Amino acid sequence: MPRFLVTYHGSNMPHDAESMAKARDAFMHWAGKTGSALVDPGAPIGASRTISSQGTKDGLADGPFNGWSVIEADDLNGAAKLLADHPFIGRGGALQINEPAAV
């Protein structure tokens, strides 16, 4: 079955312990419903360093990128259905579904 890289954009992780616990619990609930289609739950992004033709800098590349997951689905439509009720969207974030290109 094809795998898709899901990247998380826009909404930061909450900073207080109670909100972090709620976000984690909501993700775990979604992950439980998604079952084996969630191949790798991924992780939020911590420290970052960007390397480009202009050199190296601490921090993110242009545009917010907050985390990633890997899911399995028949196609992009199936992947979108799996992600439709993801709690990150409810916190104001966006999920980008990335299908690997054949190389």
PDB file of N, CA and C in Angstrom:
ATOM      1  N   MET A   1       0.849  -1.179   0.000  1.00  0.00           N
ATOM      2  CA  MET A   1       0.000   0.000   0.000  1.00  0.00           C
ATOM      3  C   MET A   1       0.894   1.240   0.000  1.00  0.00           C
ATOM      4  N   PRO A   2       0.537   2.275  -0.773  1.00  0.00           N
ATOM      5  CA  PRO A   2       1.349   3.493  -0.828  1.00  0.00           C
ATOM      6  C   PRO A   2       1.430   4.202   0.526  1.00  0.00           C
ATOM      7  N   ARG A   3       2.570   4.823   0.752  1.00  0.00           N
ATOM      8  CA  ARG A   3       2.781   5.622   1.962  1.00  0.00           C
ATOM      9  C   ARG A   3       2.794   7.097   1.601  1.00  0.00           C
ATOM     10  N   PHE A   4       2.337   7.917   2.541  1.00  0.00           N
ATOM     11  CA  PHE A   4       2.264   9.357   2.337  1.00  0.00           C
ATOM     12  C   PHE A   4       2.919  10.057   3.517  1.00  0.00           C
ATOM     13  N   LEU A   5       3.720  11.072   3.213  1.00  0.00           N
ATOM     14  CA  LEU A   5       4.310  11.914   4.243  1.00  0.00           C
ATOM     15  C   LEU A   5       3.318  13.030   4.545  1.00  0.00           C
ATOM     16  N   VAL A   6       2.936  13.149   5.789  1.00  0.00           N
ATOM     17  CA  VAL A   6       2.019  14.207   6.216  1.00  0.00           C
ATOM     18  C   VAL A   6       2.849  15.237   6.971  1.00  0.00           C
ATOM     19  N   THR A   7       2.831  16.477   6.495  1.00  0.00           N
ATOM     20  CA  THR A   7       3.562  17.536   7.186  1.00  0.00           C
ATOM     21  C   THR A   7       2.571  18.490   7.837  1.00  0.00           C
ATOM     22  N   TYR A   8       2.932  18.956   9.009  1.00  0.00           N
ATOM     23  CA  TYR A   8       2.075  19.794   9.851  1.00  0.00           C
ATOM     24  C   TYR A   8       2.544  21.241   9.732  1.00  0.00           C
ATOM     25  N   HIS A   9       1.610  22.151   9.468  1.00  0.00           N
ATOM     26  CA  HIS A   9       1.959  23.552   9.239  1.00  0.00           C
ATOM     27  C   HIS A   9       1.025  24.473  10.004  1.00  0.00           C
ATOM     28  N   GLY A  10       1.585  25.513  10.619  1.00  0.00           N
ATOM     29  CA  GLY A  10       0.775  26.615  11.115  1.00  0.00           C
ATOM     30  C   GLY A  10       0.497  26.687  12.595  1.00  0.00           C
ATOM     31  N   SER A  11       0.044  25.654  13.217  1.00  0.00           N
ATOM     32  CA  SER A  11      -0.350  25.723  14.624  1.00  0.00           C
ATOM     33  C   SER A  11       0.776  25.176  15.490  1.00  0.00           C
ATOM     34  N   ASN A  12       1.230  25.967  16.427  1.00  0.00           N
ATOM     35  CA  ASN A  12       2.290  25.512  17.327  1.00  0.00           C
ATOM     36  C   ASN A  12       1.729  24.634  18.435  1.00  0.00           C
ATOM     37  N   MET A  13       2.593  23.808  19.005  1.00  0.00           N
ATOM     38  CA  MET A  13       2.201  23.018  20.170  1.00  0.00           C
ATOM     39  C   MET A  13       1.911  23.976  21.311  1.00  0.00           C
ATOM     40  N   PRO A  14       0.897  23.679  22.107  1.00  0.00           N
ATOM     41  CA  PRO A  14       0.631  24.504  23.288  1.00  0.00           C
ATOM     42  C   PRO A  14       1.828  24.465  24.239  1.00  0.00           C
ATOM     43  N   HIS A  15       1.963  25.496  25.048  1.00  0.00           N
ATOM     44  CA  HIS A  15       3.113  25.577  25.948  1.00  0.00           C
ATOM     45  C   HIS A  15       2.796  25.187  27.386  1.00  0.00           C
ATOM     46  N   ASP A  16       1.549  25.329  27.817  1.00  0.00           N
ATOM     47  CA  ASP A  16       1.246  24.969  29.203  1.00  0.00           C
ATOM     48  C   ASP A  16       0.926  23.473  29.287  1.00  0.00           C
ATOM     49  N   ALA A  17       1.201  22.894  30.444  1.00  0.00           N
ATOM     50  CA  ALA A  17       1.106  21.444  30.632  1.00  0.00           C
ATOM     51  C   ALA A  17      -0.293  20.901  30.351  1.00  0.00           C
ATOM     52  N   GLU A  18      -1.322  21.600  30.794  1.00  0.00           N
ATOM     53  CA  GLU A  18      -2.692  21.108  30.600  1.00  0.00           C
ATOM     54  C   GLU A  18      -3.070  21.081  29.114  1.00  0.00           C
ATOM     55  N   SER A  19      -2.746  22.143  28.396  1.00  0.00           N
ATOM     56  CA  SER A  19      -3.054  22.191  26.964  1.00  0.00           C
ATOM     57  C   SER A  19      -2.232  21.168  26.191  1.00  0.00           C
ATOM     58  N   MET A  20      -0.969  20.975  26.594  1.00  0.00           N
ATOM     59  CA  MET A  20      -0.131  19.964  25.945  1.00  0.00           C
ATOM     60  C   MET A  20      -0.723  18.579  26.144  1.00  0.00           C
ATOM     61  N   ALA A  21      -1.190  18.292  27.347  1.00  0.00           N
ATOM     62  CA  ALA A  21      -1.790  16.988  27.632  1.00  0.00           C
ATOM     63  C   ALA A  21      -3.052  16.782  26.798  1.00  0.00           C
ATOM     64  N   LYS A  22      -3.870  17.815  26.668  1.00  0.00           N
ATOM     65  CA  LYS A  22      -5.087  17.711  25.850  1.00  0.00           C
ATOM     66  C   LYS A  22      -4.742  17.459  24.385  1.00  0.00           C
ATOM     67  N   ALA A  23      -3.740  18.168  23.869  1.00  0.00           N
ATOM     68  CA  ALA A  23      -3.319  17.980  22.475  1.00  0.00           C
ATOM     69  C   ALA A  23      -2.780  16.569  22.266  1.00  0.00           C
ATOM     70  N   ARG A  24      -1.980  16.082  23.203  1.00  0.00           N
ATOM     71  CA  ARG A  24      -1.416  14.732  23.115  1.00  0.00           C
ATOM     72  C   ARG A  24      -2.524  13.690  23.176  1.00  0.00           C
ATOM     73  N   ASP A  25      -3.477  13.866  24.087  1.00  0.00           N
ATOM     74  CA  ASP A  25      -4.595  12.921  24.206  1.00  0.00           C
ATOM     75  C   ASP A  25      -5.441  12.904  22.940  1.00  0.00           C
ATOM     76  N   ALA A  26      -5.686  14.077  22.356  1.00  0.00           N
ATOM     77  CA  ALA A  26      -6.472  14.151  21.121  1.00  0.00           C
ATOM     78  C   ALA A  26      -5.744  13.437  19.986  1.00  0.00           C
ATOM     79  N   PHE A  27      -4.418  13.614  19.907  1.00  0.00           N
ATOM     80  CA  PHE A  27      -3.650  12.925  18.873  1.00  0.00           C
ATOM     81  C   PHE A  27      -3.696  11.417  19.088  1.00  0.00           C
ATOM     82  N   MET A  28      -3.523  10.970  20.319  1.00  0.00           N
ATOM     83  CA  MET A  28      -3.538   9.532  20.604  1.00  0.00           C
ATOM     84  C   MET A  28      -4.902   8.926  20.282  1.00  0.00           C
ATOM     85  N   HIS A  29      -5.984   9.670  20.524  1.00  0.00           N
ATOM     86  CA  HIS A  29      -7.322   9.196  20.169  1.00  0.00           C
ATOM     87  C   HIS A  29      -7.424   9.038  18.650  1.00  0.00           C
ATOM     88  N   TRP A  30      -6.971  10.043  17.906  1.00  0.00           N
ATOM     89  CA  TRP A  30      -6.987   9.968  16.446  1.00  0.00           C
ATOM     90  C   TRP A  30      -6.109   8.813  15.968  1.00  0.00           C
ATOM     91  N   ALA A  31      -4.925   8.676  16.537  1.00  0.00           N
ATOM     92  CA  ALA A  31      -4.012   7.602  16.142  1.00  0.00           C
ATOM     93  C   ALA A  31      -4.638   6.234  16.391  1.00  0.00           C
ATOM     94  N   GLY A  32      -5.345   6.079  17.495  1.00  0.00           N
ATOM     95  CA  GLY A  32      -6.020   4.816  17.786  1.00  0.00           C
ATOM     96  C   GLY A  32      -7.079   4.492  16.751  1.00  0.00           C
ATOM     97  N   LYS A  33      -7.836   5.504  16.319  1.00  0.00           N
ATOM     98  CA  LYS A  33      -8.861   5.294  15.289  1.00  0.00           C
ATOM     99  C   LYS A  33      -8.225   4.970  13.939  1.00  0.00           C
ATOM    100  N   THR A  34      -7.070   5.543  13.666  1.00  0.00           N
ATOM    101  CA  THR A  34      -6.399   5.360  12.382  1.00  0.00           C
ATOM    102  C   THR A  34      -5.749   3.987  12.292  1.00  0.00           C
ATOM    103  N   GLY A  35      -5.370   3.424  13.430  1.00  0.00           N
ATOM    104  CA  GLY A  35      -4.836   2.070  13.479  1.00  0.00           C
ATOM    105  C   GLY A  35      -3.543   1.902  12.701  1.00  0.00           C
ATOM    106  N   SER A  36      -3.422   0.768  12.004  1.00  0.00           N
ATOM    107  CA  SER A  36      -2.177   0.427  11.318  1.00  0.00           C
ATOM    108  C   SER A  36      -1.903   1.305  10.102  1.00  0.00           C
ATOM    109  N   ALA A  37      -2.866   2.118   9.682  1.00  0.00           N
ATOM    110  CA  ALA A  37      -2.616   3.051   8.577  1.00  0.00           C
ATOM    111  C   ALA A  37      -1.632   4.147   8.995  1.00  0.00           C
ATOM    112  N   LEU A  38      -1.484   4.367  10.302  1.00  0.00           N
ATOM    113  CA  LEU A  38      -0.486   5.308  10.810  1.00  0.00           C
ATOM    114  C   LEU A  38       0.819   4.536  10.962  1.00  0.00           C
ATOM    115  N   VAL A  39       1.649   4.584   9.933  1.00  0.00           N
ATOM    116  CA  VAL A  39       2.880   3.800   9.886  1.00  0.00           C
ATOM    117  C   VAL A  39       3.909   4.332  10.869  1.00  0.00           C
ATOM    118  N   ASP A  40       4.035   5.645  10.947  1.00  0.00           N
ATOM    119  CA  ASP A  40       4.982   6.293  11.852  1.00  0.00           C
ATOM    120  C   ASP A  40       4.316   7.570  12.352  1.00  0.00           C
ATOM    121  N   PRO A  41       4.067   7.687  13.660  1.00  0.00           N
ATOM    122  CA  PRO A  41       3.387   8.882  14.155  1.00  0.00           C
ATOM    123  C   PRO A  41       4.221  10.145  14.005  1.00  0.00           C
ATOM    124  N   GLY A  42       5.507  10.001  13.766  1.00  0.00           N
ATOM    125  CA  GLY A  42       6.355  11.169  13.604  1.00  0.00           C
ATOM    126  C   GLY A  42       6.559  11.889  14.915  1.00  0.00           C
ATOM    127  N   ALA A  43       6.763  13.201  14.827  1.00  0.00           N
ATOM    128  CA  ALA A  43       7.053  13.993  16.017  1.00  0.00           C
ATOM    129  C   ALA A  43       6.927  15.467  15.694  1.00  0.00           C
ATOM    130  N   PRO A  44       6.685  16.270  16.730  1.00  0.00           N
ATOM    131  CA  PRO A  44       6.795  17.714  16.521  1.00  0.00           C
ATOM    132  C   PRO A  44       8.259  18.055  16.233  1.00  0.00           C
ATOM    133  N   ILE A  45       8.488  19.178  15.626  1.00  0.00           N
ATOM    134  CA  ILE A  45       9.840  19.611  15.301  1.00  0.00           C
ATOM    135  C   ILE A  45      10.404  20.412  16.470  1.00  0.00           C
ATOM    136  N   GLY A  46      11.634  20.098  16.839  1.00  0.00           N
ATOM    137  CA  GLY A  46      12.336  20.838  17.879  1.00  0.00           C
ATOM    138  C   GLY A  46      13.304  21.829  17.243  1.00  0.00           C
ATOM    139  N   ALA A  47      14.542  21.815  17.680  1.00  0.00           N
ATOM    140  CA  ALA A  47      15.563  22.709  17.136  1.00  0.00           C
ATOM    141  C   ALA A  47      15.756  22.421  15.653  1.00  0.00           C
ATOM    142  N   SER A  48      15.989  23.460  14.891  1.00  0.00           N
ATOM    143  CA  SER A  48      16.156  23.322  13.442  1.00  0.00           C
ATOM    144  C   SER A  48      17.345  24.142  12.968  1.00  0.00           C
ATOM    145  N   ARG A  49      17.944  23.692  11.899  1.00  0.00           N
ATOM    146  CA  ARG A  49      18.998  24.434  11.208  1.00  0.00           C
ATOM    147  C   ARG A  49      18.716  24.292   9.721  1.00  0.00           C
ATOM    148  N   THR A  50      18.792  25.379   8.998  1.00  0.00           N
ATOM    149  CA  THR A  50      18.505  25.383   7.569  1.00  0.00           C
ATOM    150  C   THR A  50      19.797  25.578   6.787  1.00  0.00           C
ATOM    151  N   ILE A  51      20.008  24.727   5.794  1.00  0.00           N
ATOM    152  CA  ILE A  51      21.174  24.817   4.918  1.00  0.00           C
ATOM    153  C   ILE A  51      20.659  25.110   3.513  1.00  0.00           C
ATOM    154  N   SER A  52      21.153  26.183   2.916  1.00  0.00           N
ATOM    155  CA  SER A  52      20.728  26.555   1.566  1.00  0.00           C
ATOM    156  C   SER A  52      21.926  27.106   0.799  1.00  0.00           C
ATOM    157  N   SER A  53      21.680  27.538  -0.432  1.00  0.00           N
ATOM    158  CA  SER A  53      22.763  28.115  -1.231  1.00  0.00           C
ATOM    159  C   SER A  53      23.268  29.428  -0.633  1.00  0.00           C
ATOM    160  N   GLN A  54      22.481  30.037   0.261  1.00  0.00           N
ATOM    161  CA  GLN A  54      22.907  31.267   0.925  1.00  0.00           C
ATOM    162  C   GLN A  54      23.667  31.009   2.223  1.00  0.00           C
ATOM    163  N   GLY A  55      23.846  29.753   2.574  1.00  0.00           N
ATOM    164  CA  GLY A  55      24.579  29.429   3.783  1.00  0.00           C
ATOM    165  C   GLY A  55      23.744  28.641   4.769  1.00  0.00           C
ATOM    166  N   THR A  56      24.177  28.667   6.014  1.00  0.00           N
ATOM    167  CA  THR A  56      23.531  27.913   7.082  1.00  0.00           C
ATOM    168  C   THR A  56      23.019  28.886   8.133  1.00  0.00           C
ATOM    169  N   LYS A  57      21.797  28.633   8.611  1.00  0.00           N
ATOM    170  CA  LYS A  57      21.241  29.484   9.671  1.00  0.00           C
ATOM    171  C   LYS A  57      20.475  28.605  10.643  1.00  0.00           C
ATOM    172  N   ASP A  58      20.456  29.010  11.900  1.00  0.00           N
ATOM    173  CA  ASP A  58      19.621  28.328  12.874  1.00  0.00           C
ATOM    174  C   ASP A  58      18.177  28.715  12.615  1.00  0.00           C
ATOM    175  N   GLY A  59      17.288  27.764  12.792  1.00  0.00           N
ATOM    176  CA  GLY A  59      15.869  28.037  12.604  1.00  0.00           C
ATOM    177  C   GLY A  59      15.310  27.354  11.373  1.00  0.00           C
ATOM    178  N   LEU A  60      14.018  27.589  11.166  1.00  0.00           N
ATOM    179  CA  LEU A  60      13.283  26.946  10.086  1.00  0.00           C
ATOM    180  C   LEU A  60      13.539  27.616   8.747  1.00  0.00           C
ATOM    181  N   ALA A  61      13.339  26.850   7.678  1.00  0.00           N
ATOM    182  CA  ALA A  61      13.322  27.423   6.340  1.00  0.00           C
ATOM    183  C   ALA A  61      12.070  28.287   6.225  1.00  0.00           C
ATOM    184  N   ASP A  62      11.930  28.999   5.129  1.00  0.00           N
ATOM    185  CA  ASP A  62      10.748  29.848   4.938  1.00  0.00           C
ATOM    186  C   ASP A  62       9.475  29.029   5.086  1.00  0.00           C
ATOM    187  N   GLY A  63       8.529  29.578   5.825  1.00  0.00           N
ATOM    188  CA  GLY A  63       7.252  28.898   6.038  1.00  0.00           C
ATOM    189  C   GLY A  63       7.301  28.006   7.259  1.00  0.00           C
ATOM    190  N   PRO A  64       6.247  28.033   8.056  1.00  0.00           N
ATOM    191  CA  PRO A  64       6.224  27.211   9.266  1.00  0.00           C
ATOM    192  C   PRO A  64       6.043  25.735   8.952  1.00  0.00           C
ATOM    193  N   PHE A  65       6.810  24.919   9.611  1.00  0.00           N
ATOM    194  CA  PHE A  65       6.724  23.461   9.513  1.00  0.00           C
ATOM    195  C   PHE A  65       6.843  22.950  10.932  1.00  0.00           C
ATOM    196  N   ASN A  66       5.810  22.258  11.424  1.00  0.00           N
ATOM    197  CA  ASN A  66       5.766  21.913  12.837  1.00  0.00           C
ATOM    198  C   ASN A  66       5.976  20.447  13.160  1.00  0.00           C
ATOM    199  N   GLY A  67       5.822  19.552  12.203  1.00  0.00           N
ATOM    200  CA  GLY A  67       5.969  18.135  12.493  1.00  0.00           C
ATOM    201  C   GLY A  67       5.618  17.288  11.288  1.00  0.00           C
ATOM    202  N   TRP A  68       5.605  15.968  11.496  1.00  0.00           N
ATOM    203  CA  TRP A  68       5.371  15.048  10.391  1.00  0.00           C
ATOM    204  C   TRP A  68       4.825  13.725  10.897  1.00  0.00           C
ATOM    205  N   SER A  69       4.195  12.983  10.009  1.00  0.00           N
ATOM    206  CA  SER A  69       3.752  11.606  10.231  1.00  0.00           C
ATOM    207  C   SER A  69       3.832  10.882   8.894  1.00  0.00           C
ATOM    208  N   VAL A  70       3.781   9.564   8.936  1.00  0.00           N
ATOM    209  CA  VAL A  70       3.703   8.754   7.718  1.00  0.00           C
ATOM    210  C   VAL A  70       2.476   7.866   7.839  1.00  0.00           C
ATOM    211  N   ILE A  71       1.614   7.900   6.811  1.00  0.00           N
ATOM    212  CA  ILE A  71       0.414   7.065   6.802  1.00  0.00           C
ATOM    213  C   ILE A  71       0.399   6.215   5.540  1.00  0.00           C
ATOM    214  N   GLU A  72      -0.407   5.168   5.563  1.00  0.00           N
ATOM    215  CA  GLU A  72      -0.649   4.335   4.393  1.00  0.00           C
ATOM    216  C   GLU A  72      -2.096   4.510   3.962  1.00  0.00           C
ATOM    217  N   ALA A  73      -2.302   4.630   2.657  1.00  0.00           N
ATOM    218  CA  ALA A  73      -3.647   4.742   2.097  1.00  0.00           C
ATOM    219  C   ALA A  73      -3.583   4.308   0.637  1.00  0.00           C
ATOM    220  N   ASP A  74      -4.738   3.995   0.074  1.00  0.00           N
ATOM    221  CA  ASP A  74      -4.789   3.565  -1.323  1.00  0.00           C
ATOM    222  C   ASP A  74      -4.359   4.671  -2.284  1.00  0.00           C
ATOM    223  N   ASP A  75      -4.702   5.922  -1.955  1.00  0.00           N
ATOM    224  CA  ASP A  75      -4.401   7.057  -2.827  1.00  0.00           C
ATOM    225  C   ASP A  75      -4.537   8.348  -2.019  1.00  0.00           C
ATOM    226  N   LEU A  76      -4.342   9.481  -2.679  1.00  0.00           N
ATOM    227  CA  LEU A  76      -4.444  10.773  -1.988  1.00  0.00           C
ATOM    228  C   LEU A  76      -5.821  10.985  -1.377  1.00  0.00           C
ATOM    229  N   ASN A  77      -6.877  10.556  -2.070  1.00  0.00           N
ATOM    230  CA  ASN A  77      -8.228  10.700  -1.519  1.00  0.00           C
ATOM    231  C   ASN A  77      -8.388   9.897  -0.235  1.00  0.00           C
ATOM    232  N   GLY A  78      -7.864   8.676  -0.226  1.00  0.00           N
ATOM    233  CA  GLY A  78      -7.929   7.852   0.978  1.00  0.00           C
ATOM    234  C   GLY A  78      -7.132   8.459   2.115  1.00  0.00           C
ATOM    235  N   ALA A  79      -5.975   9.038   1.789  1.00  0.00           N
ATOM    236  CA  ALA A  79      -5.162   9.700   2.811  1.00  0.00           C
ATOM    237  C   ALA A  79      -5.917  10.895   3.385  1.00  0.00           C
ATOM    238  N   ALA A  80      -6.577  11.655   2.520  1.00  0.00           N
ATOM    239  CA  ALA A  80      -7.342  12.816   2.986  1.00  0.00           C
ATOM    240  C   ALA A  80      -8.472  12.390   3.914  1.00  0.00           C
ATOM    241  N   LYS A  81      -9.113  11.278   3.624  1.00  0.00           N
ATOM    242  CA  LYS A  81     -10.190  10.782   4.490  1.00  0.00           C
ATOM    243  C   LYS A  81      -9.650  10.405   5.865  1.00  0.00           C
ATOM    244  N   LEU A  82      -8.468   9.768   5.901  1.00  0.00           N
ATOM    245  CA  LEU A  82      -7.870   9.397   7.185  1.00  0.00           C
ATOM    246  C   LEU A  82      -7.551  10.626   8.036  1.00  0.00           C
ATOM    247  N   LEU A  83      -7.221  11.713   7.383  1.00  0.00           N
ATOM    248  CA  LEU A  83      -6.779  12.920   8.087  1.00  0.00           C
ATOM    249  C   LEU A  83      -7.892  13.925   8.344  1.00  0.00           C
ATOM    250  N   ALA A  84      -9.081  13.678   7.838  1.00  0.00           N
ATOM    251  CA  ALA A  84     -10.173  14.660   7.896  1.00  0.00           C
ATOM    252  C   ALA A  84     -10.493  15.134   9.310  1.00  0.00           C
ATOM    253  N   ASP A  85     -10.377  14.252  10.293  1.00  0.00           N
ATOM    254  CA  ASP A  85     -10.718  14.640  11.670  1.00  0.00           C
ATOM    255  C   ASP A  85      -9.486  14.723  12.573  1.00  0.00           C
ATOM    256  N   HIS A  86      -8.313  14.951  11.984  1.00  0.00           N
ATOM    257  CA  HIS A  86      -7.075  15.062  12.758  1.00  0.00           C
ATOM    258  C   HIS A  86      -7.173  16.269  13.694  1.00  0.00           C
ATOM    259  N   PRO A  87      -6.807  16.126  14.964  1.00  0.00           N
ATOM    260  CA  PRO A  87      -6.966  17.224  15.922  1.00  0.00           C
ATOM    261  C   PRO A  87      -6.103  18.449  15.627  1.00  0.00           C
ATOM    262  N   PHE A  88      -5.029  18.307  14.887  1.00  0.00           N
ATOM    263  CA  PHE A  88      -4.176  19.453  14.557  1.00  0.00           C
ATOM    264  C   PHE A  88      -4.956  20.486  13.747  1.00  0.00           C
ATOM    265  N   ILE A  89      -5.862  20.016  12.896  1.00  0.00           N
ATOM    266  CA  ILE A  89      -6.691  20.918  12.094  1.00  0.00           C
ATOM    267  C   ILE A  89      -7.597  21.732  13.016  1.00  0.00           C
ATOM    268  N   GLY A  90      -8.133  21.080  14.042  1.00  0.00           N
ATOM    269  CA  GLY A  90      -9.001  21.762  14.992  1.00  0.00           C
ATOM    270  C   GLY A  90      -8.298  22.833  15.801  1.00  0.00           C
ATOM    271  N   ARG A  91      -6.965  22.756  15.886  1.00  0.00           N
ATOM    272  CA  ARG A  91      -6.185  23.775  16.601  1.00  0.00           C
ATOM    273  C   ARG A  91      -5.754  24.904  15.673  1.00  0.00           C
ATOM    274  N   GLY A  92      -6.263  24.897  14.438  1.00  0.00           N
ATOM    275  CA  GLY A  92      -5.946  25.971  13.505  1.00  0.00           C
ATOM    276  C   GLY A  92      -4.815  25.671  12.548  1.00  0.00           C
ATOM    277  N   GLY A  93      -4.269  24.463  12.591  1.00  0.00           N
ATOM    278  CA  GLY A  93      -3.177  24.098  11.702  1.00  0.00           C
ATOM    279  C   GLY A  93      -3.680  23.517  10.393  1.00  0.00           C
ATOM    280  N   ALA A  94      -2.749  23.231   9.512  1.00  0.00           N
ATOM    281  CA  ALA A  94      -3.053  22.607   8.228  1.00  0.00           C
ATOM    282  C   ALA A  94      -2.149  21.395   8.059  1.00  0.00           C
ATOM    283  N   LEU A  95      -2.668  20.379   7.396  1.00  0.00           N
ATOM    284  CA  LEU A  95      -1.894  19.182   7.096  1.00  0.00           C
ATOM    285  C   LEU A  95      -1.686  19.112   5.591  1.00  0.00           C
ATOM    286  N   GLN A  96      -0.453  18.889   5.184  1.00  0.00           N
ATOM    287  CA  GLN A  96      -0.142  18.722   3.767  1.00  0.00           C
ATOM    288  C   GLN A  96       0.156  17.253   3.533  1.00  0.00           C
ATOM    289  N   ILE A  97      -0.532  16.641   2.582  1.00  0.00           N
ATOM    290  CA  ILE A  97      -0.327  15.231   2.250  1.00  0.00           C
ATOM    291  C   ILE A  97       0.639  15.182   1.074  1.00  0.00           C
ATOM    292  N   ASN A  98       1.741  14.475   1.246  1.00  0.00           N
ATOM    293  CA  ASN A  98       2.789  14.430   0.236  1.00  0.00           C
ATOM    294  C   ASN A  98       2.962  13.004  -0.256  1.00  0.00           C
ATOM    295  N   GLU A  99       2.714  12.795  -1.538  1.00  0.00           N
ATOM    296  CA  GLU A  99       2.913  11.484  -2.144  1.00  0.00           C
ATOM    297  C   GLU A  99       4.324  11.440  -2.709  1.00  0.00           C
ATOM    298  N   PRO A 100       5.133  10.460  -2.311  1.00  0.00           N
ATOM    299  CA  PRO A 100       6.487  10.389  -2.856  1.00  0.00           C
ATOM    300  C   PRO A 100       6.460  10.218  -4.377  1.00  0.00           C
ATOM    301  N   ALA A 101       7.352  10.910  -5.043  1.00  0.00           N
ATOM    302  CA  ALA A 101       7.479  10.789  -6.492  1.00  0.00           C
ATOM    303  C   ALA A 101       8.375   9.605  -6.821  1.00  0.00           C
ATOM    304  N   ALA A 102       8.076   8.942  -7.903  1.00  0.00           N
ATOM    305  CA  ALA A 102       8.933   7.842  -8.359  1.00  0.00           C
ATOM    306  C   ALA A 102      10.239   8.434  -8.882  1.00  0.00           C
ATOM    307  N   VAL A 103      11.348   7.848  -8.443  1.00  0.00           N
ATOM    308  CA  VAL A 103      12.656   8.324  -8.913  1.00  0.00           C
ATOM    309  C   VAL A 103      13.432   7.203  -9.544  1.00  0.00           C
TER     310      VAL A 103
END
